[in-house]
Amino acid sequence: MWEVNFMATFFLIKEALPYLRKQPGSSLVIISSYTGYEMSQMIGHYALTKTALLGLTKALAAELLQEQIRVNGAVPGLIKT
């Protein structure tokens, strides 16, 4: 789960950054989950990966600010179907 939820996002951003840097005003949106804020014992490993994405979002937002690349995070909640 770590490889899919976190590492795939990390490496995709790493590959995209050279292209984003060529376009001032570029934007990244990282999708996390509400479980990153409110962990559940039944899905602790999943919540851990989503918490890591929240940290990545904050770190990249600060790091890329000077390069005019906006970084936002989307945190969908639970939807009853």
C-alpha atoms as a PDB file:
ATOM      1  CA  MET A   1       0.000   0.000   0.000  1.00  0.00           C
ATOM      2  CA  TRP A   2       2.895   2.391   0.756  1.00  0.00           C
ATOM      3  CA  GLU A   3       4.241   1.950  -2.770  1.00  0.00           C
ATOM      4  CA  VAL A   4       0.919   2.728  -4.432  1.00  0.00           C
ATOM      5  CA  ASN A   5      -0.425   5.499  -2.202  1.00  0.00           C
ATOM      6  CA  PHE A   6       2.752   7.393  -1.379  1.00  0.00           C
ATOM      7  CA  MET A   7       5.735   6.350  -3.462  1.00  0.00           C
ATOM      8  CA  ALA A   8       3.848   6.443  -6.773  1.00  0.00           C
ATOM      9  CA  THR A   9       2.734  10.013  -6.008  1.00  0.00           C
ATOM     10  CA  PHE A  10       6.240  11.003  -4.952  1.00  0.00           C
ATOM     11  CA  PHE A  11       7.898   9.646  -8.098  1.00  0.00           C
ATOM     12  CA  LEU A  12       5.205  11.038 -10.408  1.00  0.00           C
ATOM     13  CA  ILE A  13       5.758  14.510  -8.961  1.00  0.00           C
ATOM     14  CA  LYS A  14       9.520  14.053  -9.250  1.00  0.00           C
ATOM     15  CA  GLU A  15       9.142  13.306 -12.973  1.00  0.00           C
ATOM     16  CA  ALA A  16       6.633  16.126 -13.544  1.00  0.00           C
ATOM     17  CA  LEU A  17       8.604  18.891 -11.809  1.00  0.00           C
ATOM     18  CA  PRO A  18      10.912  19.743 -14.744  1.00  0.00           C
ATOM     19  CA  TYR A  19       7.832  20.363 -16.897  1.00  0.00           C
ATOM     20  CA  LEU A  20       6.028  22.317 -14.186  1.00  0.00           C
ATOM     21  CA  ARG A  21       9.077  24.524 -13.685  1.00  0.00           C
ATOM     22  CA  LYS A  22       8.923  25.570 -17.345  1.00  0.00           C
ATOM     23  CA  GLN A  23       5.404  26.963 -16.834  1.00  0.00           C
ATOM     24  CA  PRO A  24       5.169  29.713 -14.189  1.00  0.00           C
ATOM     25  CA  GLY A  25       1.914  29.478 -12.315  1.00  0.00           C
ATOM     26  CA  SER A  26       1.753  25.672 -12.555  1.00  0.00           C
ATOM     27  CA  SER A  27      -0.241  23.758 -10.002  1.00  0.00           C
ATOM     28  CA  LEU A  28      -0.061  20.368  -8.296  1.00  0.00           C
ATOM     29  CA  VAL A  29      -3.014  18.742  -6.559  1.00  0.00           C
ATOM     30  CA  ILE A  30      -2.264  15.838  -4.240  1.00  0.00           C
ATOM     31  CA  ILE A  31      -5.211  13.640  -3.284  1.00  0.00           C
ATOM     32  CA  SER A  32      -5.145  12.341   0.282  1.00  0.00           C
ATOM     33  CA  SER A  33      -8.041  11.232   2.491  1.00  0.00           C
ATOM     34  CA  TYR A  34      -9.842  12.312   5.635  1.00  0.00           C
ATOM     35  CA  THR A  35      -8.289   9.256   7.282  1.00  0.00           C
ATOM     36  CA  GLY A  36      -5.013  11.160   7.195  1.00  0.00           C
ATOM     37  CA  TYR A  37      -6.528  13.327   9.928  1.00  0.00           C
ATOM     38  CA  GLU A  38      -8.695  10.781  11.745  1.00  0.00           C
ATOM     39  CA  MET A  39      -7.105   7.371  11.891  1.00  0.00           C
ATOM     40  CA  SER A  40      -9.045   4.184  12.439  1.00  0.00           C
ATOM     41  CA  GLN A  41      -7.559   1.014  13.894  1.00  0.00           C
ATOM     42  CA  MET A  42      -9.086  -1.052  11.109  1.00  0.00           C
ATOM     43  CA  ILE A  43      -7.327   0.913   8.359  1.00  0.00           C
ATOM     44  CA  GLY A  44      -4.239   2.196  10.155  1.00  0.00           C
ATOM     45  CA  HIS A  45      -1.802   1.300   7.383  1.00  0.00           C
ATOM     46  CA  TYR A  46      -3.956   3.107   4.807  1.00  0.00           C
ATOM     47  CA  ALA A  47      -4.285   6.166   7.063  1.00  0.00           C
ATOM     48  CA  LEU A  48      -0.519   6.252   7.515  1.00  0.00           C
ATOM     49  CA  THR A  49       0.014   6.589   3.757  1.00  0.00           C
ATOM     50  CA  LYS A  50      -2.572   9.350   3.542  1.00  0.00           C
ATOM     51  CA  THR A  51      -0.995  11.232   6.453  1.00  0.00           C
ATOM     52  CA  ALA A  52       2.316  11.038   4.611  1.00  0.00           C
ATOM     53  CA  LEU A  53       0.657  12.622   1.563  1.00  0.00           C
ATOM     54  CA  LEU A  54      -0.550  15.502   3.733  1.00  0.00           C
ATOM     55  CA  GLY A  55       3.030  16.058   4.908  1.00  0.00           C
ATOM     56  CA  LEU A  56       4.306  15.877   1.332  1.00  0.00           C
ATOM     57  CA  THR A  57       1.747  18.485   0.305  1.00  0.00           C
ATOM     58  CA  LYS A  58       2.841  20.897   3.031  1.00  0.00           C
ATOM     59  CA  ALA A  59       6.533  20.364   2.338  1.00  0.00           C
ATOM     60  CA  LEU A  60       6.178  20.855  -1.421  1.00  0.00           C
ATOM     61  CA  ALA A  61       3.959  23.917  -0.999  1.00  0.00           C
ATOM     62  CA  ALA A  62       6.691  25.613   1.016  1.00  0.00           C
ATOM     63  CA  GLU A  63       9.525  24.395  -1.211  1.00  0.00           C
ATOM     64  CA  LEU A  64       7.939  25.320  -4.548  1.00  0.00           C
ATOM     65  CA  LEU A  65       6.465  28.662  -3.507  1.00  0.00           C
ATOM     66  CA  GLN A  66       9.485  30.604  -4.784  1.00  0.00           C
ATOM     67  CA  GLU A  67       9.170  28.862  -8.158  1.00  0.00           C
ATOM     68  CA  GLN A  68       5.539  29.975  -8.548  1.00  0.00           C
ATOM     69  CA  ILE A  69       4.263  26.393  -8.436  1.00  0.00           C
ATOM     70  CA  ARG A  70       1.116  26.114  -6.333  1.00  0.00           C
ATOM     71  CA  VAL A  71       0.604  22.891  -4.378  1.00  0.00           C
ATOM     72  CA  ASN A  72      -2.807  22.003  -2.980  1.00  0.00           C
ATOM     73  CA  GLY A  73      -4.219  18.944  -1.300  1.00  0.00           C
ATOM     74  CA  ALA A  74      -7.685  17.471  -1.709  1.00  0.00           C
ATOM     75  CA  VAL A  75      -9.013  15.473   1.219  1.00  0.00           C
ATOM     76  CA  PRO A  76     -12.193  13.592   0.292  1.00  0.00           C
ATOM     77  CA  GLY A  77     -14.298  12.257   3.111  1.00  0.00           C
ATOM     78  CA  LEU A  78     -16.408   9.172   3.510  1.00  0.00           C
ATOM     79  CA  ILE A  79     -19.372   8.922   1.167  1.00  0.00           C
ATOM     80  CA  LYS A  80     -22.196   6.555   2.013  1.00  0.00           C
ATOM     81  CA  THR A  81     -23.473   4.744  -1.051  1.00  0.00           C
END
